[in-house]
């Protein structure tokens, strides 16, 4: 393989890497938007549950119990 062929192949690889980086950047941007939307939805739901929750146990107590944060004593 001549040096010109190697140089051409390297240029082609660089172009392919650049395109892949662009695609990855687009995918990551979409993922970040989806995470932000999920967080907004969770916070809205949490606020609604907290607003409507009446009486004991508190929302925080139930959350801790469901996540296994209860203390053994």
PDB file of N, CA and C in Angstrom:
ATOM      1  N   UNK A   1       0.857  -1.170   0.000  1.00  0.00           N
ATOM      2  CA  UNK A   1       0.000   0.000   0.000  1.00  0.00           C
ATOM      3  C   UNK A   1       0.907   1.238   0.000  1.00  0.00           C
ATOM      4  N   UNK A   2       0.630   2.146  -0.904  1.00  0.00           N
ATOM      5  CA  UNK A   2       1.457   3.344  -0.999  1.00  0.00           C
ATOM      6  C   UNK A   2       1.076   4.355   0.078  1.00  0.00           C
ATOM      7  N   UNK A   3       1.938   5.326   0.246  1.00  0.00           N
ATOM      8  CA  UNK A   3       1.678   6.378   1.230  1.00  0.00           C
ATOM      9  C   UNK A   3       0.430   7.171   0.877  1.00  0.00           C
ATOM     10  N   UNK A   4       0.186   7.401  -0.382  1.00  0.00           N
ATOM     11  CA  UNK A   4      -1.010   8.127  -0.830  1.00  0.00           C
ATOM     12  C   UNK A   4      -2.261   7.347  -0.460  1.00  0.00           C
ATOM     13  N   UNK A   5      -2.232   6.037  -0.642  1.00  0.00           N
ATOM     14  CA  UNK A   5      -3.372   5.203  -0.290  1.00  0.00           C
ATOM     15  C   UNK A   5      -3.620   5.220   1.224  1.00  0.00           C
ATOM     16  N   UNK A   6      -2.548   5.176   1.978  1.00  0.00           N
ATOM     17  CA  UNK A   6      -2.671   5.240   3.440  1.00  0.00           C
ATOM     18  C   UNK A   6      -3.255   6.591   3.849  1.00  0.00           C
ATOM     19  N   UNK A   7      -2.779   7.656   3.255  1.00  0.00           N
ATOM     20  CA  UNK A   7      -3.285   8.992   3.560  1.00  0.00           C
ATOM     21  C   UNK A   7      -4.760   9.118   3.193  1.00  0.00           C
ATOM     22  N   UNK A   8      -5.151   8.601   2.054  1.00  0.00           N
ATOM     23  CA  UNK A   8      -6.558   8.625   1.642  1.00  0.00           C
ATOM     24  C   UNK A   8      -7.426   7.833   2.610  1.00  0.00           C
ATOM     25  N   UNK A   9      -6.920   6.678   3.025  1.00  0.00           N
ATOM     26  CA  UNK A   9      -7.684   5.857   3.976  1.00  0.00           C
ATOM     27  C   UNK A   9      -7.829   6.571   5.319  1.00  0.00           C
ATOM     28  N   UNK A  10      -6.775   7.208   5.785  1.00  0.00           N
ATOM     29  CA  UNK A  10      -6.837   7.972   7.039  1.00  0.00           C
ATOM     30  C   UNK A  10      -7.833   9.125   6.941  1.00  0.00           C
ATOM     31  N   UNK A  11      -7.861   9.796   5.815  1.00  0.00           N
ATOM     32  CA  UNK A  11      -8.822  10.873   5.612  1.00  0.00           C
ATOM     33  C   UNK A  11     -10.252  10.344   5.643  1.00  0.00           C
ATOM     34  N   UNK A  12     -10.449   9.188   5.014  1.00  0.00           N
ATOM     35  CA  UNK A  12     -11.773   8.582   5.007  1.00  0.00           C
ATOM     36  C   UNK A  12     -12.186   8.206   6.441  1.00  0.00           C
ATOM     37  N   UNK A  13     -11.279   7.646   7.191  1.00  0.00           N
ATOM     38  CA  UNK A  13     -11.566   7.268   8.584  1.00  0.00           C
ATOM     39  C   UNK A  13     -11.889   8.505   9.419  1.00  0.00           C
ATOM     40  N   UNK A  14     -11.149   9.581   9.218  1.00  0.00           N
ATOM     41  CA  UNK A  14     -11.418  10.827   9.938  1.00  0.00           C
ATOM     42  C   UNK A  14     -12.814  11.353   9.630  1.00  0.00           C
ATOM     43  N   UNK A  15     -13.223  11.309   8.368  1.00  0.00           N
ATOM     44  CA  UNK A  15     -14.566  11.754   7.985  1.00  0.00           C
ATOM     45  C   UNK A  15     -15.631  10.887   8.654  1.00  0.00           C
ATOM     46  N   UNK A  16     -15.407   9.568   8.652  1.00  0.00           N
ATOM     47  CA  UNK A  16     -16.359   8.660   9.284  1.00  0.00           C
ATOM     48  C   UNK A  16     -16.457   8.921  10.790  1.00  0.00           C
ATOM     49  N   UNK A  17     -15.331   9.149  11.434  1.00  0.00           N
ATOM     50  CA  UNK A  17     -15.335   9.457  12.866  1.00  0.00           C
ATOM     51  C   UNK A  17     -16.077  10.757  13.148  1.00  0.00           C
ATOM     52  N   UNK A  18     -15.868  11.753  12.305  1.00  0.00           N
ATOM     53  CA  UNK A  18     -16.562  13.029  12.472  1.00  0.00           C
ATOM     54  C   UNK A  18     -18.076  12.844  12.376  1.00  0.00           C
ATOM     55  N   UNK A  19     -18.515  12.058  11.383  1.00  0.00           N
ATOM     56  CA  UNK A  19     -19.953  11.793  11.230  1.00  0.00           C
ATOM     57  C   UNK A  19     -20.507  11.040  12.435  1.00  0.00           C
ATOM     58  N   UNK A  20     -19.744  10.075  12.933  1.00  0.00           N
ATOM     59  CA  UNK A  20     -20.187   9.324  14.108  1.00  0.00           C
ATOM     60  C   UNK A  20     -20.285  10.227  15.343  1.00  0.00           C
ATOM     61  N   UNK A  21     -19.336  11.142  15.493  1.00  0.00           N
ATOM     62  CA  UNK A  21     -19.384  12.090  16.616  1.00  0.00           C
ATOM     63  C   UNK A  21     -20.621  12.974  16.522  1.00  0.00           C
ATOM     64  N   UNK A  22     -20.955  13.417  15.320  1.00  0.00           N
ATOM     65  CA  UNK A  22     -22.160  14.226  15.141  1.00  0.00           C
ATOM     66  C   UNK A  22     -23.411  13.442  15.519  1.00  0.00           C
ATOM     67  N   UNK A  23     -23.482  12.200  15.087  1.00  0.00           N
ATOM     68  CA  UNK A  23     -24.640  11.359  15.419  1.00  0.00           C
ATOM     69  C   UNK A  23     -24.732  11.113  16.920  1.00  0.00           C
ATOM     70  N   UNK A  24     -23.603  10.827  17.530  1.00  0.00           N
ATOM     71  CA  UNK A  24     -23.584  10.592  18.979  1.00  0.00           C
ATOM     72  C   UNK A  24     -24.013  11.843  19.727  1.00  0.00           C
ATOM     73  N   UNK A  25     -23.542  12.999  19.289  1.00  0.00           N
ATOM     74  CA  UNK A  25     -23.946  14.251  19.914  1.00  0.00           C
ATOM     75  C   UNK A  25     -25.440  14.467  19.837  1.00  0.00           C
ATOM     76  N   UNK A  26     -26.036  14.123  18.706  1.00  0.00           N
ATOM     77  CA  UNK A  26     -27.481  14.273  18.547  1.00  0.00           C
ATOM     78  C   UNK A  26     -28.228  13.326  19.477  1.00  0.00           C
ATOM     79  N   UNK A  27     -27.756  12.093  19.591  1.00  0.00           N
ATOM     80  CA  UNK A  27     -28.402  11.108  20.470  1.00  0.00           C
ATOM     81  C   UNK A  27     -28.309  11.564  21.922  1.00  0.00           C
ATOM     82  N   UNK A  28     -27.148  12.052  22.323  1.00  0.00           N
ATOM     83  CA  UNK A  28     -26.971  12.513  23.700  1.00  0.00           C
ATOM     84  C   UNK A  28     -27.859  13.711  24.003  1.00  0.00           C
ATOM     85  N   UNK A  29     -28.022  14.594  23.031  1.00  0.00           N
ATOM     86  CA  UNK A  29     -28.888  15.759  23.230  1.00  0.00           C
ATOM     87  C   UNK A  29     -30.329  15.311  23.459  1.00  0.00           C
ATOM     88  N   UNK A  30     -30.789  14.336  22.692  1.00  0.00           N
ATOM     89  CA  UNK A  30     -32.150  13.812  22.860  1.00  0.00           C
ATOM     90  C   UNK A  30     -32.288  13.157  24.229  1.00  0.00           C
ATOM     91  N   UNK A  31     -31.280  12.378  24.634  1.00  0.00           N
ATOM     92  CA  UNK A  31     -31.314  11.738  25.950  1.00  0.00           C
ATOM     93  C   UNK A  31     -31.419  12.770  27.059  1.00  0.00           C
ATOM     94  N   UNK A  32     -30.661  13.856  26.952  1.00  0.00           N
ATOM     95  CA  UNK A  32     -30.710  14.910  27.979  1.00  0.00           C
ATOM     96  C   UNK A  32     -32.089  15.548  28.020  1.00  0.00           C
ATOM     97  N   UNK A  33     -32.701  15.769  26.864  1.00  0.00           N
ATOM     98  CA  UNK A  33     -34.040  16.358  26.836  1.00  0.00           C
ATOM     99  C   UNK A  33     -35.051  15.408  27.472  1.00  0.00           C
ATOM    100  N   UNK A  34     -34.929  14.106  27.188  1.00  0.00           N
ATOM    101  CA  UNK A  34     -35.849  13.125  27.760  1.00  0.00           C
ATOM    102  C   UNK A  34     -35.697  13.050  29.274  1.00  0.00           C
ATOM    103  N   UNK A  35     -34.476  13.134  29.763  1.00  0.00           N
ATOM    104  CA  UNK A  35     -34.241  13.103  31.208  1.00  0.00           C
ATOM    105  C   UNK A  35     -34.848  14.350  31.854  1.00  0.00           C
ATOM    106  N   UNK A  36     -34.649  15.508  31.248  1.00  0.00           N
ATOM    107  CA  UNK A  36     -35.219  16.743  31.801  1.00  0.00           C
ATOM    108  C   UNK A  36     -36.741  16.650  31.851  1.00  0.00           C
ATOM    109  N   UNK A  37     -37.342  16.122  30.796  1.00  0.00           N
ATOM    110  CA  UNK A  37     -38.803  15.984  30.762  1.00  0.00           C
ATOM    111  C   UNK A  37     -39.269  14.997  31.829  1.00  0.00           C
ATOM    112  N   UNK A  38     -38.545  13.888  32.003  1.00  0.00           N
ATOM    113  CA  UNK A  38     -38.907  12.902  33.022  1.00  0.00           C
ATOM    114  C   UNK A  38     -38.811  13.509  34.421  1.00  0.00           C
ATOM    115  N   UNK A  39     -37.792  14.305  34.667  1.00  0.00           N
ATOM    116  CA  UNK A  39     -37.640  14.953  35.971  1.00  0.00           C
ATOM    117  C   UNK A  39     -38.783  15.937  36.197  1.00  0.00           C
ATOM    118  N   UNK A  40     -39.122  16.713  35.183  1.00  0.00           N
ATOM    119  CA  UNK A  40     -40.244  17.662  35.318  1.00  0.00           C
ATOM    120  C   UNK A  40     -41.544  16.922  35.634  1.00  0.00           C
ATOM    121  N   UNK A  41     -41.788  15.822  34.924  1.00  0.00           N
ATOM    122  CA  UNK A  41     -43.001  15.043  35.168  1.00  0.00           C
ATOM    123  C   UNK A  41     -43.011  14.446  36.572  1.00  0.00           C
ATOM    124  N   UNK A  42     -41.865  13.935  37.019  1.00  0.00           N
ATOM    125  CA  UNK A  42     -41.783  13.379  38.363  1.00  0.00           C
ATOM    126  C   UNK A  42     -42.061  14.448  39.415  1.00  0.00           C
ATOM    127  N   UNK A  43     -41.468  15.608  39.246  1.00  0.00           N
ATOM    128  CA  UNK A  43     -41.675  16.686  40.221  1.00  0.00           C
ATOM    129  C   UNK A  43     -43.131  17.138  40.245  1.00  0.00           C
ATOM    130  N   UNK A  44     -43.752  17.181  39.086  1.00  0.00           N
ATOM    131  CA  UNK A  44     -45.171  17.549  39.037  1.00  0.00           C
ATOM    132  C   UNK A  44     -46.019  16.494  39.750  1.00  0.00           C
ATOM    133  N   UNK A  45     -45.733  15.233  39.507  1.00  0.00           N
ATOM    134  CA  UNK A  45     -46.466  14.153  40.165  1.00  0.00           C
ATOM    135  C   UNK A  45     -46.223  14.176  41.668  1.00  0.00           C
ATOM    136  N   UNK A  46     -44.975  14.371  42.075  1.00  0.00           N
ATOM    137  CA  UNK A  46     -44.655  14.440  43.497  1.00  0.00           C
ATOM    138  C   UNK A  46     -45.410  15.573  44.170  1.00  0.00           C
ATOM    139  N   UNK A  47     -45.460  16.708  43.508  1.00  0.00           N
ATOM    140  CA  UNK A  47     -46.186  17.848  44.060  1.00  0.00           C
ATOM    141  C   UNK A  47     -47.670  17.556  44.204  1.00  0.00           C
ATOM    142  N   UNK A  48     -48.249  16.905  43.210  1.00  0.00           N
ATOM    143  CA  UNK A  48     -49.673  16.570  43.256  1.00  0.00           C
ATOM    144  C   UNK A  48     -49.959  15.559  44.367  1.00  0.00           C
ATOM    145  N   UNK A  49     -49.119  14.543  44.492  1.00  0.00           N
ATOM    146  CA  UNK A  49     -49.303  13.551  45.559  1.00  0.00           C
ATOM    147  C   UNK A  49     -49.178  14.220  46.917  1.00  0.00           C
ATOM    148  N   UNK A  50     -48.174  15.064  47.087  1.00  0.00           N
ATOM    149  CA  UNK A  50     -47.984  15.744  48.367  1.00  0.00           C
ATOM    150  C   UNK A  50     -49.166  16.649  48.685  1.00  0.00           C
ATOM    151  N   UNK A  51     -49.716  17.301  47.678  1.00  0.00           N
ATOM    152  CA  UNK A  51     -50.831  18.213  47.886  1.00  0.00           C
ATOM    153  C   UNK A  51     -52.087  17.448  48.315  1.00  0.00           C
ATOM    154  N   UNK A  52     -52.295  16.281  47.736  1.00  0.00           N
ATOM    155  CA  UNK A  52     -53.511  15.525  48.003  1.00  0.00           C
ATOM    156  C   UNK A  52     -53.395  14.574  49.198  1.00  0.00           C
ATOM    157  N   UNK A  53     -52.178  14.282  49.636  1.00  0.00           N
ATOM    158  CA  UNK A  53     -51.976  13.323  50.722  1.00  0.00           C
ATOM    159  C   UNK A  53     -52.508  13.902  52.015  1.00  0.00           C
ATOM    160  N   UNK A  54     -53.328  13.111  52.714  1.00  0.00           N
ATOM    161  CA  UNK A  54     -53.927  13.570  53.967  1.00  0.00           C
ATOM    162  C   UNK A  54     -53.653  12.527  55.039  1.00  0.00           C
ATOM    163  N   UNK A  55     -53.208  12.990  56.209  1.00  0.00           N
ATOM    164  CA  UNK A  55     -53.041  12.105  57.347  1.00  0.00           C
ATOM    165  C   UNK A  55     -51.726  11.345  57.354  1.00  0.00           C
ATOM    166  N   UNK A  56     -51.592  10.537  58.408  1.00  0.00           N
ATOM    167  CA  UNK A  56     -50.373   9.757  58.601  1.00  0.00           C
ATOM    168  C   UNK A  56     -50.486   8.472  57.803  1.00  0.00           C
ATOM    169  N   UNK A  57     -49.427   7.843  57.438  1.00  0.00           N
ATOM    170  CA  UNK A  57     -48.051   8.314  57.492  1.00  0.00           C
ATOM    171  C   UNK A  57     -47.794   9.363  56.411  1.00  0.00           C
ATOM    172  N   UNK A  58     -46.724  10.093  56.575  1.00  0.00           N
ATOM    173  CA  UNK A  58     -46.421  11.150  55.610  1.00  0.00           C
ATOM    174  C   UNK A  58     -45.909  10.542  54.300  1.00  0.00           C
ATOM    175  N   UNK A  59     -45.921  11.342  53.260  1.00  0.00           N
ATOM    176  CA  UNK A  59     -45.401  10.904  51.960  1.00  0.00           C
ATOM    177  C   UNK A  59     -43.945  10.480  52.115  1.00  0.00           C
ATOM    178  N   UNK A  60     -43.168  11.267  52.859  1.00  0.00           N
ATOM    179  CA  UNK A  60     -41.758  10.953  53.046  1.00  0.00           C
ATOM    180  C   UNK A  60     -41.586   9.617  53.760  1.00  0.00           C
ATOM    181  N   UNK A  61     -42.398   9.342  54.781  1.00  0.00           N
ATOM    182  CA  UNK A  61     -42.317   8.067  55.496  1.00  0.00           C
ATOM    183  C   UNK A  61     -42.626   6.898  54.566  1.00  0.00           C
ATOM    184  N   UNK A  62     -43.658   7.036  53.764  1.00  0.00           N
ATOM    185  CA  UNK A  62     -44.015   5.973  52.828  1.00  0.00           C
ATOM    186  C   UNK A  62     -42.932   5.774  51.774  1.00  0.00           C
ATOM    187  N   UNK A  63     -42.353   6.863  51.306  1.00  0.00           N
ATOM    188  CA  UNK A  63     -41.282   6.767  50.326  1.00  0.00           C
ATOM    189  C   UNK A  63     -40.090   6.019  50.919  1.00  0.00           C
ATOM    190  N   UNK A  64     -39.712   6.398  52.129  1.00  0.00           N
ATOM    191  CA  UNK A  64     -38.581   5.727  52.784  1.00  0.00           C
ATOM    192  C   UNK A  64     -38.870   4.247  52.989  1.00  0.00           C
ATOM    193  N   UNK A  65     -40.078   3.917  53.386  1.00  0.00           N
ATOM    194  CA  UNK A  65     -40.439   2.520  53.605  1.00  0.00           C
ATOM    195  C   UNK A  65     -40.357   1.746  52.286  1.00  0.00           C
ATOM    196  N   UNK A  66     -40.869   2.317  51.220  1.00  0.00           N
ATOM    197  CA  UNK A  66     -40.860   1.625  49.930  1.00  0.00           C
ATOM    198  C   UNK A  66     -39.448   1.443  49.390  1.00  0.00           C
ATOM    199  N   UNK A  67     -38.545   2.331  49.752  1.00  0.00           N
ATOM    200  CA  UNK A  67     -37.161   2.246  49.280  1.00  0.00           C
ATOM    201  C   UNK A  67     -36.265   1.468  50.241  1.00  0.00           C
ATOM    202  N   UNK A  68     -36.827   0.975  51.343  1.00  0.00           N
ATOM    203  CA  UNK A  68     -36.042   0.186  52.284  1.00  0.00           C
ATOM    204  C   UNK A  68     -35.200   1.028  53.218  1.00  0.00           C
ATOM    205  N   UNK A  69     -35.613   2.250  53.482  1.00  0.00           N
ATOM    206  CA  UNK A  69     -34.851   3.137  54.358  1.00  0.00           C
ATOM    207  C   UNK A  69     -35.288   3.039  55.820  1.00  0.00           C
ATOM    208  N   UNK A  70     -36.101   2.055  56.130  1.00  0.00           N
ATOM    209  CA  UNK A  70     -36.561   1.908  57.517  1.00  0.00           C
ATOM    210  C   UNK A  70     -35.382   1.467  58.382  1.00  0.00           C
ATOM    211  N   UNK A  71     -35.373   1.967  59.577  1.00  0.00           N
ATOM    212  CA  UNK A  71     -34.331   1.598  60.529  1.00  0.00           C
ATOM    213  C   UNK A  71     -34.816   0.390  61.337  1.00  0.00           C
ATOM    214  N   UNK A  72     -33.922  -0.508  61.700  1.00  0.00           N
ATOM    215  CA  UNK A  72     -34.323  -1.740  62.376  1.00  0.00           C
ATOM    216  C   UNK A  72     -34.772  -1.542  63.825  1.00  0.00           C
ATOM    217  N   UNK A  73     -34.608  -0.389  64.380  1.00  0.00           N
ATOM    218  CA  UNK A  73     -34.983  -0.195  65.796  1.00  0.00           C
ATOM    219  C   UNK A  73     -36.267   0.547  65.935  1.00  0.00           C
TER     220      UNK A  73
END
